[in-house]
mmCIF file of all heavy atoms, coordinates in Angstrom:
data_MODEL
# 
_entry.id   MODEL 
# 
loop_
_atom_site.group_PDB 
_atom_site.id 
_atom_site.type_symbol 
_atom_site.label_atom_id 
_atom_site.label_alt_id 
_atom_site.label_comp_id 
_atom_site.label_asym_id 
_atom_site.label_entity_id 
_atom_site.label_seq_id 
_atom_site.pdbx_PDB_ins_code 
_atom_site.Cartn_x 
_atom_site.Cartn_y 
_atom_site.Cartn_z 
_atom_site.occupancy 
_atom_site.B_iso_or_equiv 
_atom_site.pdbx_formal_charge 
_atom_site.auth_seq_id 
_atom_site.auth_comp_id 
_atom_site.auth_asym_id 
_atom_site.auth_atom_id 
_atom_site.pdbx_PDB_model_num 
ATOM 1   N N   . GLN A 1 1  ? 122.162 -63.382 -43.932 1.00 0.00 ? 1  GLN A N   1 
ATOM 2   C CA  . GLN A 1 1  ? 122.297 -63.441 -42.469 1.00 0.00 ? 1  GLN A CA  1 
ATOM 3   C C   . GLN A 1 1  ? 121.679 -64.721 -41.917 1.00 0.00 ? 1  GLN A C   1 
ATOM 4   O O   . GLN A 1 1  ? 122.277 -65.370 -41.031 1.00 0.00 ? 1  GLN A O   1 
ATOM 5   C CB  . GLN A 1 1  ? 121.596 -62.259 -41.823 1.00 0.00 ? 1  GLN A CB  1 
ATOM 6   C CG  . GLN A 1 1  ? 122.292 -60.910 -42.101 1.00 0.00 ? 1  GLN A CG  1 
ATOM 7   C CD  . GLN A 1 1  ? 121.539 -59.740 -41.484 1.00 0.00 ? 1  GLN A CD  1 
ATOM 8   O OE1 . GLN A 1 1  ? 120.614 -59.940 -40.702 1.00 0.00 ? 1  GLN A OE1 1 
ATOM 9   N NE2 . GLN A 1 1  ? 121.921 -58.517 -41.885 1.00 0.00 ? 1  GLN A NE2 1 
ATOM 10  N N   . GLY A 1 2  ? 120.572 -65.140 -42.532 1.00 0.00 ? 2  GLY A N   1 
ATOM 11  C CA  . GLY A 1 2  ? 119.942 -66.387 -42.052 1.00 0.00 ? 2  GLY A CA  1 
ATOM 12  C C   . GLY A 1 2  ? 120.758 -67.615 -42.392 1.00 0.00 ? 2  GLY A C   1 
ATOM 13  O O   . GLY A 1 2  ? 120.901 -68.539 -41.562 1.00 0.00 ? 2  GLY A O   1 
ATOM 14  N N   . TRP A 1 3  ? 121.397 -67.574 -43.569 1.00 0.00 ? 3  TRP A N   1 
ATOM 15  C CA  . TRP A 1 3  ? 122.284 -68.677 -43.945 1.00 0.00 ? 3  TRP A CA  1 
ATOM 16  C C   . TRP A 1 3  ? 123.479 -68.744 -43.002 1.00 0.00 ? 3  TRP A C   1 
ATOM 17  O O   . TRP A 1 3  ? 123.868 -69.882 -42.620 1.00 0.00 ? 3  TRP A O   1 
ATOM 18  C CB  . TRP A 1 3  ? 122.714 -68.512 -45.412 1.00 0.00 ? 3  TRP A CB  1 
ATOM 19  C CG  . TRP A 1 3  ? 123.762 -69.534 -45.871 1.00 0.00 ? 3  TRP A CG  1 
ATOM 20  C CD1 . TRP A 1 3  ? 125.045 -69.291 -46.110 1.00 0.00 ? 3  TRP A CD1 1 
ATOM 21  C CD2 . TRP A 1 3  ? 123.486 -70.903 -46.117 1.00 0.00 ? 3  TRP A CD2 1 
ATOM 22  N NE1 . TRP A 1 3  ? 125.660 -70.453 -46.559 1.00 0.00 ? 3  TRP A NE1 1 
ATOM 23  C CE2 . TRP A 1 3  ? 124.691 -71.476 -46.554 1.00 0.00 ? 3  TRP A CE2 1 
ATOM 24  C CE3 . TRP A 1 3  ? 122.357 -71.698 -46.044 1.00 0.00 ? 3  TRP A CE3 1 
ATOM 25  C CZ2 . TRP A 1 3  ? 124.827 -72.850 -46.860 1.00 0.00 ? 3  TRP A CZ2 1 
ATOM 26  C CZ3 . TRP A 1 3  ? 122.549 -73.093 -46.362 1.00 0.00 ? 3  TRP A CZ3 1 
ATOM 27  C CH2 . TRP A 1 3  ? 123.745 -73.622 -46.790 1.00 0.00 ? 3  TRP A CH2 1 
ATOM 28  N N   . GLU A 1 4  ? 124.088 -67.637 -42.716 1.00 0.00 ? 4  GLU A N   1 
ATOM 29  C CA  . GLU A 1 4  ? 125.229 -67.630 -41.825 1.00 0.00 ? 4  GLU A CA  1 
ATOM 30  C C   . GLU A 1 4  ? 124.823 -68.111 -40.383 1.00 0.00 ? 4  GLU A C   1 
ATOM 31  O O   . GLU A 1 4  ? 125.585 -68.892 -39.754 1.00 0.00 ? 4  GLU A O   1 
ATOM 32  C CB  . GLU A 1 4  ? 125.817 -66.261 -41.751 1.00 0.00 ? 4  GLU A CB  1 
ATOM 33  C CG  . GLU A 1 4  ? 126.484 -65.823 -43.083 1.00 0.00 ? 4  GLU A CG  1 
ATOM 34  C CD  . GLU A 1 4  ? 126.969 -64.392 -43.006 1.00 0.00 ? 4  GLU A CD  1 
ATOM 35  O OE1 . GLU A 1 4  ? 126.718 -63.719 -41.949 1.00 0.00 ? 4  GLU A OE1 1 
ATOM 36  O OE2 . GLU A 1 4  ? 127.643 -63.909 -43.951 1.00 0.00 ? 4  GLU A OE2 1 
ATOM 37  N N   . LEU A 1 5  ? 123.658 -67.691 -39.975 1.00 0.00 ? 5  LEU A N   1 
ATOM 38  C CA  . LEU A 1 5  ? 123.199 -68.128 -38.671 1.00 0.00 ? 5  LEU A CA  1 
ATOM 39  C C   . LEU A 1 5  ? 122.931 -69.660 -38.633 1.00 0.00 ? 5  LEU A C   1 
ATOM 40  O O   . LEU A 1 5  ? 123.272 -70.329 -37.656 1.00 0.00 ? 5  LEU A O   1 
ATOM 41  C CB  . LEU A 1 5  ? 121.903 -67.388 -38.287 1.00 0.00 ? 5  LEU A CB  1 
ATOM 42  C CG  . LEU A 1 5  ? 121.306 -67.680 -36.882 1.00 0.00 ? 5  LEU A CG  1 
ATOM 43  C CD1 . LEU A 1 5  ? 122.296 -67.364 -35.759 1.00 0.00 ? 5  LEU A CD1 1 
ATOM 44  C CD2 . LEU A 1 5  ? 119.988 -66.948 -36.710 1.00 0.00 ? 5  LEU A CD2 1 
ATOM 45  N N   . ALA A 1 6  ? 122.360 -70.180 -39.741 1.00 0.00 ? 6  ALA A N   1 
ATOM 46  C CA  . ALA A 1 6  ? 122.113 -71.600 -39.829 1.00 0.00 ? 6  ALA A CA  1 
ATOM 47  C C   . ALA A 1 6  ? 123.406 -72.370 -39.782 1.00 0.00 ? 6  ALA A C   1 
ATOM 48  O O   . ALA A 1 6  ? 123.516 -73.433 -39.153 1.00 0.00 ? 6  ALA A O   1 
ATOM 49  C CB  . ALA A 1 6  ? 121.324 -71.874 -41.093 1.00 0.00 ? 6  ALA A CB  1 
ATOM 50  N N   . LEU A 1 7  ? 124.450 -71.909 -40.515 1.00 0.00 ? 7  LEU A N   1 
ATOM 51  C CA  . LEU A 1 7  ? 125.741 -72.564 -40.509 1.00 0.00 ? 7  LEU A CA  1 
ATOM 52  C C   . LEU A 1 7  ? 126.311 -72.585 -39.084 1.00 0.00 ? 7  LEU A C   1 
ATOM 53  O O   . LEU A 1 7  ? 126.916 -73.594 -38.655 1.00 0.00 ? 7  LEU A O   1 
ATOM 54  C CB  . LEU A 1 7  ? 126.689 -71.892 -41.475 1.00 0.00 ? 7  LEU A CB  1 
ATOM 55  C CG  . LEU A 1 7  ? 126.408 -72.094 -43.001 1.00 0.00 ? 7  LEU A CG  1 
ATOM 56  C CD1 . LEU A 1 7  ? 127.373 -71.364 -43.852 1.00 0.00 ? 7  LEU A CD1 1 
ATOM 57  C CD2 . LEU A 1 7  ? 126.462 -73.631 -43.331 1.00 0.00 ? 7  LEU A CD2 1 
ATOM 58  N N   . GLN A 1 8  ? 126.212 -71.434 -38.403 1.00 0.00 ? 8  GLN A N   1 
ATOM 59  C CA  . GLN A 1 8  ? 126.749 -71.405 -37.004 1.00 0.00 ? 8  GLN A CA  1 
ATOM 60  C C   . GLN A 1 8  ? 126.030 -72.430 -36.124 1.00 0.00 ? 8  GLN A C   1 
ATOM 61  O O   . GLN A 1 8  ? 126.662 -73.098 -35.322 1.00 0.00 ? 8  GLN A O   1 
ATOM 62  C CB  . GLN A 1 8  ? 126.584 -70.033 -36.425 1.00 0.00 ? 8  GLN A CB  1 
ATOM 63  C CG  . GLN A 1 8  ? 127.455 -68.925 -37.124 1.00 0.00 ? 8  GLN A CG  1 
ATOM 64  C CD  . GLN A 1 8  ? 127.193 -67.555 -36.566 1.00 0.00 ? 8  GLN A CD  1 
ATOM 65  O OE1 . GLN A 1 8  ? 126.453 -67.401 -35.615 1.00 0.00 ? 8  GLN A OE1 1 
ATOM 66  N NE2 . GLN A 1 8  ? 127.834 -66.565 -37.160 1.00 0.00 ? 8  GLN A NE2 1 
ATOM 67  N N   . TRP A 1 9  ? 124.767 -72.536 -36.290 1.00 0.00 ? 9  TRP A N   1 
ATOM 68  C CA  . TRP A 1 9  ? 123.974 -73.495 -35.487 1.00 0.00 ? 9  TRP A CA  1 
ATOM 69  C C   . TRP A 1 9  ? 124.390 -74.951 -35.813 1.00 0.00 ? 9  TRP A C   1 
ATOM 70  O O   . TRP A 1 9  ? 124.484 -75.773 -34.910 1.00 0.00 ? 9  TRP A O   1 
ATOM 71  C CB  . TRP A 1 9  ? 122.472 -73.288 -35.687 1.00 0.00 ? 9  TRP A CB  1 
ATOM 72  C CG  . TRP A 1 9  ? 121.936 -72.069 -34.998 1.00 0.00 ? 9  TRP A CG  1 
ATOM 73  C CD1 . TRP A 1 9  ? 122.651 -71.134 -34.341 1.00 0.00 ? 9  TRP A CD1 1 
ATOM 74  C CD2 . TRP A 1 9  ? 120.576 -71.631 -35.036 1.00 0.00 ? 9  TRP A CD2 1 
ATOM 75  N NE1 . TRP A 1 9  ? 121.843 -70.145 -33.828 1.00 0.00 ? 9  TRP A NE1 1 
ATOM 76  C CE2 . TRP A 1 9  ? 120.548 -70.417 -34.275 1.00 0.00 ? 9  TRP A CE2 1 
ATOM 77  C CE3 . TRP A 1 9  ? 119.401 -72.076 -35.550 1.00 0.00 ? 9  TRP A CE3 1 
ATOM 78  C CZ2 . TRP A 1 9  ? 119.372 -69.654 -34.008 1.00 0.00 ? 9  TRP A CZ2 1 
ATOM 79  C CZ3 . TRP A 1 9  ? 118.227 -71.394 -35.329 1.00 0.00 ? 9  TRP A CZ3 1 
ATOM 80  C CH2 . TRP A 1 9  ? 118.214 -70.208 -34.579 1.00 0.00 ? 9  TRP A CH2 1 
ATOM 81  N N   . LEU A 1 10 ? 124.556 -75.201 -37.099 1.00 0.00 ? 10 LEU A N   1 
ATOM 82  C CA  . LEU A 1 10 ? 124.829 -76.590 -37.528 1.00 0.00 ? 10 LEU A CA  1 
ATOM 83  C C   . LEU A 1 10 ? 126.269 -77.016 -37.061 1.00 0.00 ? 10 LEU A C   1 
ATOM 84  O O   . LEU A 1 10 ? 126.494 -78.192 -36.837 1.00 0.00 ? 10 LEU A O   1 
ATOM 85  C CB  . LEU A 1 10 ? 124.748 -76.751 -39.059 1.00 0.00 ? 10 LEU A CB  1 
ATOM 86  C CG  . LEU A 1 10 ? 123.326 -76.646 -39.625 1.00 0.00 ? 10 LEU A CG  1 
ATOM 87  C CD1 . LEU A 1 10 ? 123.381 -76.595 -41.134 1.00 0.00 ? 10 LEU A CD1 1 
ATOM 88  C CD2 . LEU A 1 10 ? 122.487 -77.787 -39.126 1.00 0.00 ? 10 LEU A CD2 1 
ATOM 89  N N   . LEU A 1 11 ? 127.159 -76.065 -36.939 1.00 0.00 ? 11 LEU A N   1 
ATOM 90  C CA  . LEU A 1 11 ? 128.544 -76.396 -36.541 1.00 0.00 ? 11 LEU A CA  1 
ATOM 91  C C   . LEU A 1 11 ? 128.882 -76.169 -35.095 1.00 0.00 ? 11 LEU A C   1 
ATOM 92  O O   . LEU A 1 11 ? 130.011 -76.369 -34.714 1.00 0.00 ? 11 LEU A O   1 
ATOM 93  C CB  . LEU A 1 11 ? 129.518 -75.572 -37.480 1.00 0.00 ? 11 LEU A CB  1 
ATOM 94  C CG  . LEU A 1 11 ? 129.381 -75.807 -38.977 1.00 0.00 ? 11 LEU A CG  1 
ATOM 95  C CD1 . LEU A 1 11 ? 130.316 -74.880 -39.714 1.00 0.00 ? 11 LEU A CD1 1 
ATOM 96  C CD2 . LEU A 1 11 ? 129.670 -77.259 -39.354 1.00 0.00 ? 11 LEU A CD2 1 
ATOM 97  N N   . SER A 1 12 ? 127.862 -75.811 -34.349 1.00 0.00 ? 12 SER A N   1 
ATOM 98  C CA  . SER A 1 12 ? 128.121 -75.484 -32.947 1.00 0.00 ? 12 SER A CA  1 
ATOM 99  C C   . SER A 1 12 ? 127.597 -76.559 -32.004 1.00 0.00 ? 12 SER A C   1 
ATOM 100 O O   . SER A 1 12 ? 126.395 -76.946 -32.089 1.00 0.00 ? 12 SER A O   1 
ATOM 101 C CB  . SER A 1 12 ? 127.443 -74.119 -32.577 1.00 0.00 ? 12 SER A CB  1 
ATOM 102 O OG  . SER A 1 12 ? 127.502 -73.907 -31.202 1.00 0.00 ? 12 SER A OG  1 
ATOM 103 N N   . PRO A 1 13 ? 128.452 -77.104 -31.105 1.00 0.00 ? 13 PRO A N   1 
ATOM 104 C CA  . PRO A 1 13 ? 127.996 -78.071 -30.105 1.00 0.00 ? 13 PRO A CA  1 
ATOM 105 C C   . PRO A 1 13 ? 126.895 -77.522 -29.202 1.00 0.00 ? 13 PRO A C   1 
ATOM 106 O O   . PRO A 1 13 ? 125.928 -78.189 -28.803 1.00 0.00 ? 13 PRO A O   1 
ATOM 107 C CB  . PRO A 1 13 ? 129.194 -78.461 -29.300 1.00 0.00 ? 13 PRO A CB  1 
ATOM 108 C CG  . PRO A 1 13 ? 130.372 -78.070 -30.209 1.00 0.00 ? 13 PRO A CG  1 
ATOM 109 C CD  . PRO A 1 13 ? 129.897 -76.906 -30.975 1.00 0.00 ? 13 PRO A CD  1 
ATOM 110 N N   . ALA A 1 14 ? 127.040 -76.198 -28.920 1.00 0.00 ? 14 ALA A N   1 
ATOM 111 C CA  . ALA A 1 14 ? 126.011 -75.577 -28.025 1.00 0.00 ? 14 ALA A CA  1 
ATOM 112 C C   . ALA A 1 14 ? 124.613 -75.617 -28.712 1.00 0.00 ? 14 ALA A C   1 
ATOM 113 O O   . ALA A 1 14 ? 123.596 -75.845 -28.135 1.00 0.00 ? 14 ALA A O   1 
ATOM 114 C CB  . ALA A 1 14 ? 126.430 -74.190 -27.695 1.00 0.00 ? 14 ALA A CB  1 
ATOM 115 N N   . ALA A 1 15 ? 124.666 -75.346 -30.052 1.00 0.00 ? 15 ALA A N   1 
ATOM 116 C CA  . ALA A 1 15 ? 123.426 -75.310 -30.829 1.00 0.00 ? 15 ALA A CA  1 
ATOM 117 C C   . ALA A 1 15 ? 122.788 -76.718 -30.848 1.00 0.00 ? 15 ALA A C   1 
ATOM 118 O O   . ALA A 1 15 ? 121.549 -76.864 -30.619 1.00 0.00 ? 15 ALA A O   1 
ATOM 119 C CB  . ALA A 1 15 ? 123.675 -74.827 -32.223 1.00 0.00 ? 15 ALA A CB  1 
ATOM 120 N N   . TRP A 1 16 ? 123.630 -77.758 -31.022 1.00 0.00 ? 16 TRP A N   1 
ATOM 121 C CA  . TRP A 1 16 ? 123.106 -79.129 -31.024 1.00 0.00 ? 16 TRP A CA  1 
ATOM 122 C C   . TRP A 1 16 ? 122.520 -79.529 -29.702 1.00 0.00 ? 16 TRP A C   1 
ATOM 123 O O   . TRP A 1 16 ? 121.506 -80.181 -29.592 1.00 0.00 ? 16 TRP A O   1 
ATOM 124 C CB  . TRP A 1 16 ? 124.201 -80.110 -31.432 1.00 0.00 ? 16 TRP A CB  1 
ATOM 125 C CG  . TRP A 1 16 ? 124.401 -80.145 -32.899 1.00 0.00 ? 16 TRP A CG  1 
ATOM 126 C CD1 . TRP A 1 16 ? 125.435 -79.622 -33.611 1.00 0.00 ? 16 TRP A CD1 1 
ATOM 127 C CD2 . TRP A 1 16 ? 123.560 -80.770 -33.875 1.00 0.00 ? 16 TRP A CD2 1 
ATOM 128 N NE1 . TRP A 1 16 ? 125.312 -79.827 -34.927 1.00 0.00 ? 16 TRP A NE1 1 
ATOM 129 C CE2 . TRP A 1 16 ? 124.144 -80.553 -35.137 1.00 0.00 ? 16 TRP A CE2 1 
ATOM 130 C CE3 . TRP A 1 16 ? 122.366 -81.413 -33.784 1.00 0.00 ? 16 TRP A CE3 1 
ATOM 131 C CZ2 . TRP A 1 16 ? 123.591 -80.992 -36.297 1.00 0.00 ? 16 TRP A CZ2 1 
ATOM 132 C CZ3 . TRP A 1 16 ? 121.786 -81.908 -34.983 1.00 0.00 ? 16 TRP A CZ3 1 
ATOM 133 C CH2 . TRP A 1 16 ? 122.413 -81.656 -36.238 1.00 0.00 ? 16 TRP A CH2 1 
ATOM 134 N N   . SER A 1 17 ? 123.141 -79.114 -28.605 1.00 0.00 ? 17 SER A N   1 
ATOM 135 C CA  . SER A 1 17 ? 122.622 -79.358 -27.312 1.00 0.00 ? 17 SER A CA  1 
ATOM 136 C C   . SER A 1 17 ? 121.272 -78.694 -27.101 1.00 0.00 ? 17 SER A C   1 
ATOM 137 O O   . SER A 1 17 ? 120.378 -79.226 -26.450 1.00 0.00 ? 17 SER A O   1 
ATOM 138 C CB  . SER A 1 17 ? 123.607 -78.962 -26.220 1.00 0.00 ? 17 SER A CB  1 
ATOM 139 O OG  . SER A 1 17 ? 123.843 -77.548 -26.242 1.00 0.00 ? 17 SER A OG  1 
ATOM 140 N N   . GLN A 1 18 ? 121.207 -77.472 -27.612 1.00 0.00 ? 18 GLN A N   1 
ATOM 141 C CA  . GLN A 1 18 ? 119.911 -76.740 -27.463 1.00 0.00 ? 18 GLN A CA  1 
ATOM 142 C C   . GLN A 1 18 ? 118.778 -77.425 -28.306 1.00 0.00 ? 18 GLN A C   1 
ATOM 143 O O   . GLN A 1 18 ? 117.647 -77.494 -27.851 1.00 0.00 ? 18 GLN A O   1 
ATOM 144 C CB  . GLN A 1 18 ? 120.104 -75.287 -27.909 1.00 0.00 ? 18 GLN A CB  1 
ATOM 145 C CG  . GLN A 1 18 ? 120.998 -74.464 -26.955 1.00 0.00 ? 18 GLN A CG  1 
ATOM 146 C CD  . GLN A 1 18 ? 121.267 -73.085 -27.459 1.00 0.00 ? 18 GLN A CD  1 
ATOM 147 O OE1 . GLN A 1 18 ? 120.325 -72.342 -27.669 1.00 0.00 ? 18 GLN A OE1 1 
ATOM 148 N NE2 . GLN A 1 18 ? 122.536 -72.720 -27.628 1.00 0.00 ? 18 GLN A NE2 1 
ATOM 149 N N   . PHE A 1 19 ? 119.191 -77.876 -29.540 1.00 0.00 ? 19 PHE A N   1 
ATOM 150 C CA  . PHE A 1 19 ? 118.192 -78.646 -30.349 1.00 0.00 ? 19 PHE A CA  1 
ATOM 151 C C   . PHE A 1 19 ? 117.690 -79.864 -29.570 1.00 0.00 ? 19 PHE A C   1 
ATOM 152 O O   . PHE A 1 19 ? 116.539 -80.178 -29.514 1.00 0.00 ? 19 PHE A O   1 
ATOM 153 C CB  . PHE A 1 19 ? 118.786 -79.029 -31.686 1.00 0.00 ? 19 PHE A CB  1 
ATOM 154 C CG  . PHE A 1 19 ? 118.753 -78.015 -32.696 1.00 0.00 ? 19 PHE A CG  1 
ATOM 155 C CD1 . PHE A 1 19 ? 119.884 -77.577 -33.304 1.00 0.00 ? 19 PHE A CD1 1 
ATOM 156 C CD2 . PHE A 1 19 ? 117.498 -77.489 -33.103 1.00 0.00 ? 19 PHE A CD2 1 
ATOM 157 C CE1 . PHE A 1 19 ? 119.842 -76.569 -34.307 1.00 0.00 ? 19 PHE A CE1 1 
ATOM 158 C CE2 . PHE A 1 19 ? 117.466 -76.504 -34.105 1.00 0.00 ? 19 PHE A CE2 1 
ATOM 159 C CZ  . PHE A 1 19 ? 118.632 -76.048 -34.705 1.00 0.00 ? 19 PHE A CZ  1 
ATOM 160 N N   . ALA A 1 20 ? 118.649 -80.554 -28.927 1.00 0.00 ? 20 ALA A N   1 
ATOM 161 C CA  . ALA A 1 20 ? 118.255 -81.739 -28.118 1.00 0.00 ? 20 ALA A CA  1 
ATOM 162 C C   . ALA A 1 20 ? 117.336 -81.395 -27.004 1.00 0.00 ? 20 ALA A C   1 
ATOM 163 O O   . ALA A 1 20 ? 116.370 -82.139 -26.700 1.00 0.00 ? 20 ALA A O   1 
ATOM 164 C CB  . ALA A 1 20 ? 119.545 -82.424 -27.618 1.00 0.00 ? 20 ALA A CB  1 
ATOM 165 N N   . LEU A 1 21 ? 117.607 -80.254 -26.321 1.00 0.00 ? 21 LEU A N   1 
ATOM 166 C CA  . LEU A 1 21 ? 116.750 -79.855 -25.226 1.00 0.00 ? 21 LEU A CA  1 
ATOM 167 C C   . LEU A 1 21 ? 115.332 -79.506 -25.719 1.00 0.00 ? 21 LEU A C   1 
ATOM 168 O O   . LEU A 1 21 ? 114.305 -79.796 -25.096 1.00 0.00 ? 21 LEU A O   1 
ATOM 169 C CB  . LEU A 1 21 ? 117.373 -78.688 -24.507 1.00 0.00 ? 21 LEU A CB  1 
ATOM 170 C CG  . LEU A 1 21 ? 118.463 -78.971 -23.468 1.00 0.00 ? 21 LEU A CG  1 
ATOM 171 C CD1 . LEU A 1 21 ? 118.999 -77.650 -22.874 1.00 0.00 ? 21 LEU A CD1 1 
ATOM 172 C CD2 . LEU A 1 21 ? 117.822 -79.778 -22.344 1.00 0.00 ? 21 LEU A CD2 1 
ATOM 173 N N   . LEU A 1 22 ? 115.251 -78.881 -26.937 1.00 0.00 ? 22 LEU A N   1 
ATOM 174 C CA  . LEU A 1 22 ? 113.951 -78.544 -27.521 1.00 0.00 ? 22 LEU A CA  1 
ATOM 175 C C   . LEU A 1 22 ? 113.153 -79.831 -27.774 1.00 0.00 ? 22 LEU A C   1 
ATOM 176 O O   . LEU A 1 22 ? 111.931 -79.880 -27.468 1.00 0.00 ? 22 LEU A O   1 
ATOM 177 C CB  . LEU A 1 22 ? 114.129 -77.748 -28.769 1.00 0.00 ? 22 LEU A CB  1 
ATOM 178 C CG  . LEU A 1 22 ? 114.617 -76.310 -28.615 1.00 0.00 ? 22 LEU A CG  1 
ATOM 179 C CD1 . LEU A 1 22 ? 114.812 -75.630 -30.011 1.00 0.00 ? 22 LEU A CD1 1 
ATOM 180 C CD2 . LEU A 1 22 ? 113.611 -75.485 -27.834 1.00 0.00 ? 22 LEU A CD2 1 
ATOM 181 N N   . VAL A 1 23 ? 113.806 -80.782 -28.424 1.00 0.00 ? 23 VAL A N   1 
ATOM 182 C CA  . VAL A 1 23 ? 113.116 -82.055 -28.709 1.00 0.00 ? 23 VAL A CA  1 
ATOM 183 C C   . VAL A 1 23 ? 112.697 -82.753 -27.413 1.00 0.00 ? 23 VAL A C   1 
ATOM 184 O O   . VAL A 1 23 ? 111.564 -83.265 -27.274 1.00 0.00 ? 23 VAL A O   1 
ATOM 185 C CB  . VAL A 1 23 ? 114.015 -82.954 -29.533 1.00 0.00 ? 23 VAL A CB  1 
ATOM 186 C CG1 . VAL A 1 23 ? 113.373 -84.346 -29.698 1.00 0.00 ? 23 VAL A CG1 1 
ATOM 187 C CG2 . VAL A 1 23 ? 114.271 -82.337 -30.895 1.00 0.00 ? 23 VAL A CG2 1 
ATOM 188 N N   . LEU A 1 24 ? 113.584 -82.753 -26.414 1.00 0.00 ? 24 LEU A N   1 
ATOM 189 C CA  . LEU A 1 24 ? 113.310 -83.340 -25.152 1.00 0.00 ? 24 LEU A CA  1 
ATOM 190 C C   . LEU A 1 24 ? 112.106 -82.616 -24.453 1.00 0.00 ? 24 LEU A C   1 
ATOM 191 O O   . LEU A 1 24 ? 111.206 -83.277 -23.908 1.00 0.00 ? 24 LEU A O   1 
ATOM 192 C CB  . LEU A 1 24 ? 114.499 -83.332 -24.228 1.00 0.00 ? 24 LEU A CB  1 
ATOM 193 C CG  . LEU A 1 24 ? 114.310 -83.984 -22.823 1.00 0.00 ? 24 LEU A CG  1 
ATOM 194 C CD1 . LEU A 1 24 ? 113.959 -85.439 -22.954 1.00 0.00 ? 24 LEU A CD1 1 
ATOM 195 C CD2 . LEU A 1 24 ? 115.610 -83.800 -22.040 1.00 0.00 ? 24 LEU A CD2 1 
ATOM 196 N N   . ALA A 1 25 ? 112.096 -81.355 -24.479 1.00 0.00 ? 25 ALA A N   1 
ATOM 197 C CA  . ALA A 1 25 ? 111.031 -80.519 -23.867 1.00 0.00 ? 25 ALA A CA  1 
ATOM 198 C C   . ALA A 1 25 ? 109.703 -80.839 -24.528 1.00 0.00 ? 25 ALA A C   1 
ATOM 199 O O   . ALA A 1 25 ? 108.674 -80.960 -23.912 1.00 0.00 ? 25 ALA A O   1 
ATOM 200 C CB  . ALA A 1 25 ? 111.362 -79.020 -23.961 1.00 0.00 ? 25 ALA A CB  1 
ATOM 201 N N   . TRP A 1 26 ? 109.714 -80.956 -25.851 1.00 0.00 ? 26 TRP A N   1 
ATOM 202 C CA  . TRP A 1 26 ? 108.485 -81.247 -26.617 1.00 0.00 ? 26 TRP A CA  1 
ATOM 203 C C   . TRP A 1 26 ? 107.943 -82.660 -26.299 1.00 0.00 ? 26 TRP A C   1 
ATOM 204 O O   . TRP A 1 26 ? 106.736 -82.798 -26.054 1.00 0.00 ? 26 TRP A O   1 
ATOM 205 C CB  . TRP A 1 26 ? 108.715 -81.022 -28.102 1.00 0.00 ? 26 TRP A CB  1 
ATOM 206 C CG  . TRP A 1 26 ? 107.515 -81.449 -28.949 1.00 0.00 ? 26 TRP A CG  1 
ATOM 207 C CD1 . TRP A 1 26 ? 107.378 -82.513 -29.773 1.00 0.00 ? 26 TRP A CD1 1 
ATOM 208 C CD2 . TRP A 1 26 ? 106.281 -80.734 -29.012 1.00 0.00 ? 26 TRP A CD2 1 
ATOM 209 N NE1 . TRP A 1 26 ? 106.130 -82.476 -30.332 1.00 0.00 ? 26 TRP A NE1 1 
ATOM 210 C CE2 . TRP A 1 26 ? 105.432 -81.422 -29.862 1.00 0.00 ? 26 TRP A CE2 1 
ATOM 211 C CE3 . TRP A 1 26 ? 105.804 -79.525 -28.363 1.00 0.00 ? 26 TRP A CE3 1 
ATOM 212 C CZ2 . TRP A 1 26 ? 104.144 -80.951 -30.163 1.00 0.00 ? 26 TRP A CZ2 1 
ATOM 213 C CZ3 . TRP A 1 26 ? 104.500 -79.130 -28.690 1.00 0.00 ? 26 TRP A CZ3 1 
ATOM 214 C CH2 . TRP A 1 26 ? 103.717 -79.814 -29.566 1.00 0.00 ? 26 TRP A CH2 1 
ATOM 215 N N   . LEU A 1 27 ? 108.854 -83.617 -26.284 1.00 0.00 ? 27 LEU A N   1 
ATOM 216 C CA  . LEU A 1 27 ? 108.378 -85.017 -25.982 1.00 0.00 ? 27 LEU A CA  1 
ATOM 217 C C   . LEU A 1 27 ? 107.908 -85.074 -24.537 1.00 0.00 ? 27 LEU A C   1 
ATOM 218 O O   . LEU A 1 27 ? 106.856 -85.746 -24.252 1.00 0.00 ? 27 LEU A O   1 
ATOM 219 C CB  . LEU A 1 27 ? 109.505 -85.967 -26.225 1.00 0.00 ? 27 LEU A CB  1 
ATOM 220 C CG  . LEU A 1 27 ? 109.998 -86.096 -27.677 1.00 0.00 ? 27 LEU A CG  1 
ATOM 221 C CD1 . LEU A 1 27 ? 111.220 -87.077 -27.758 1.00 0.00 ? 27 LEU A CD1 1 
ATOM 222 C CD2 . LEU A 1 27 ? 108.850 -86.627 -28.561 1.00 0.00 ? 27 LEU A CD2 1 
ATOM 223 N N   . LEU A 1 28 ? 108.565 -84.457 -23.622 1.00 0.00 ? 28 LEU A N   1 
ATOM 224 C CA  . LEU A 1 28 ? 108.126 -84.509 -22.216 1.00 0.00 ? 28 LEU A CA  1 
ATOM 225 C C   . LEU A 1 28 ? 106.828 -83.843 -22.001 1.00 0.00 ? 28 LEU A C   1 
ATOM 226 O O   . LEU A 1 28 ? 105.912 -84.232 -21.304 1.00 0.00 ? 28 LEU A O   1 
ATOM 227 C CB  . LEU A 1 28 ? 109.219 -83.887 -21.332 1.00 0.00 ? 28 LEU A CB  1 
ATOM 228 C CG  . LEU A 1 28 ? 108.983 -83.996 -19.818 1.00 0.00 ? 28 LEU A CG  1 
ATOM 229 C CD1 . LEU A 1 28 ? 108.890 -85.454 -19.434 1.00 0.00 ? 28 LEU A CD1 1 
ATOM 230 C CD2 . LEU A 1 28 ? 110.097 -83.297 -19.063 1.00 0.00 ? 28 LEU A CD2 1 
ATOM 231 N N   . ALA A 1 29 ? 106.656 -82.691 -22.739 1.00 0.00 ? 29 ALA A N   1 
ATOM 232 C CA  . ALA A 1 29 ? 105.354 -81.957 -22.647 1.00 0.00 ? 29 ALA A CA  1 
ATOM 233 C C   . ALA A 1 29 ? 104.214 -82.791 -23.244 1.00 0.00 ? 29 ALA A C   1 
ATOM 234 O O   . ALA A 1 29 ? 103.148 -82.823 -22.674 1.00 0.00 ? 29 ALA A O   1 
ATOM 235 C CB  . ALA A 1 29 ? 105.474 -80.608 -23.440 1.00 0.00 ? 29 ALA A CB  1 
# 
């Protein structure tokens, strides 16, 4: 289940945008 979830995240534009927001939130913090 974890592998399938990771694949979904890697292939999803929404997931990439969320990763970008996490990095941005951390740097801004």
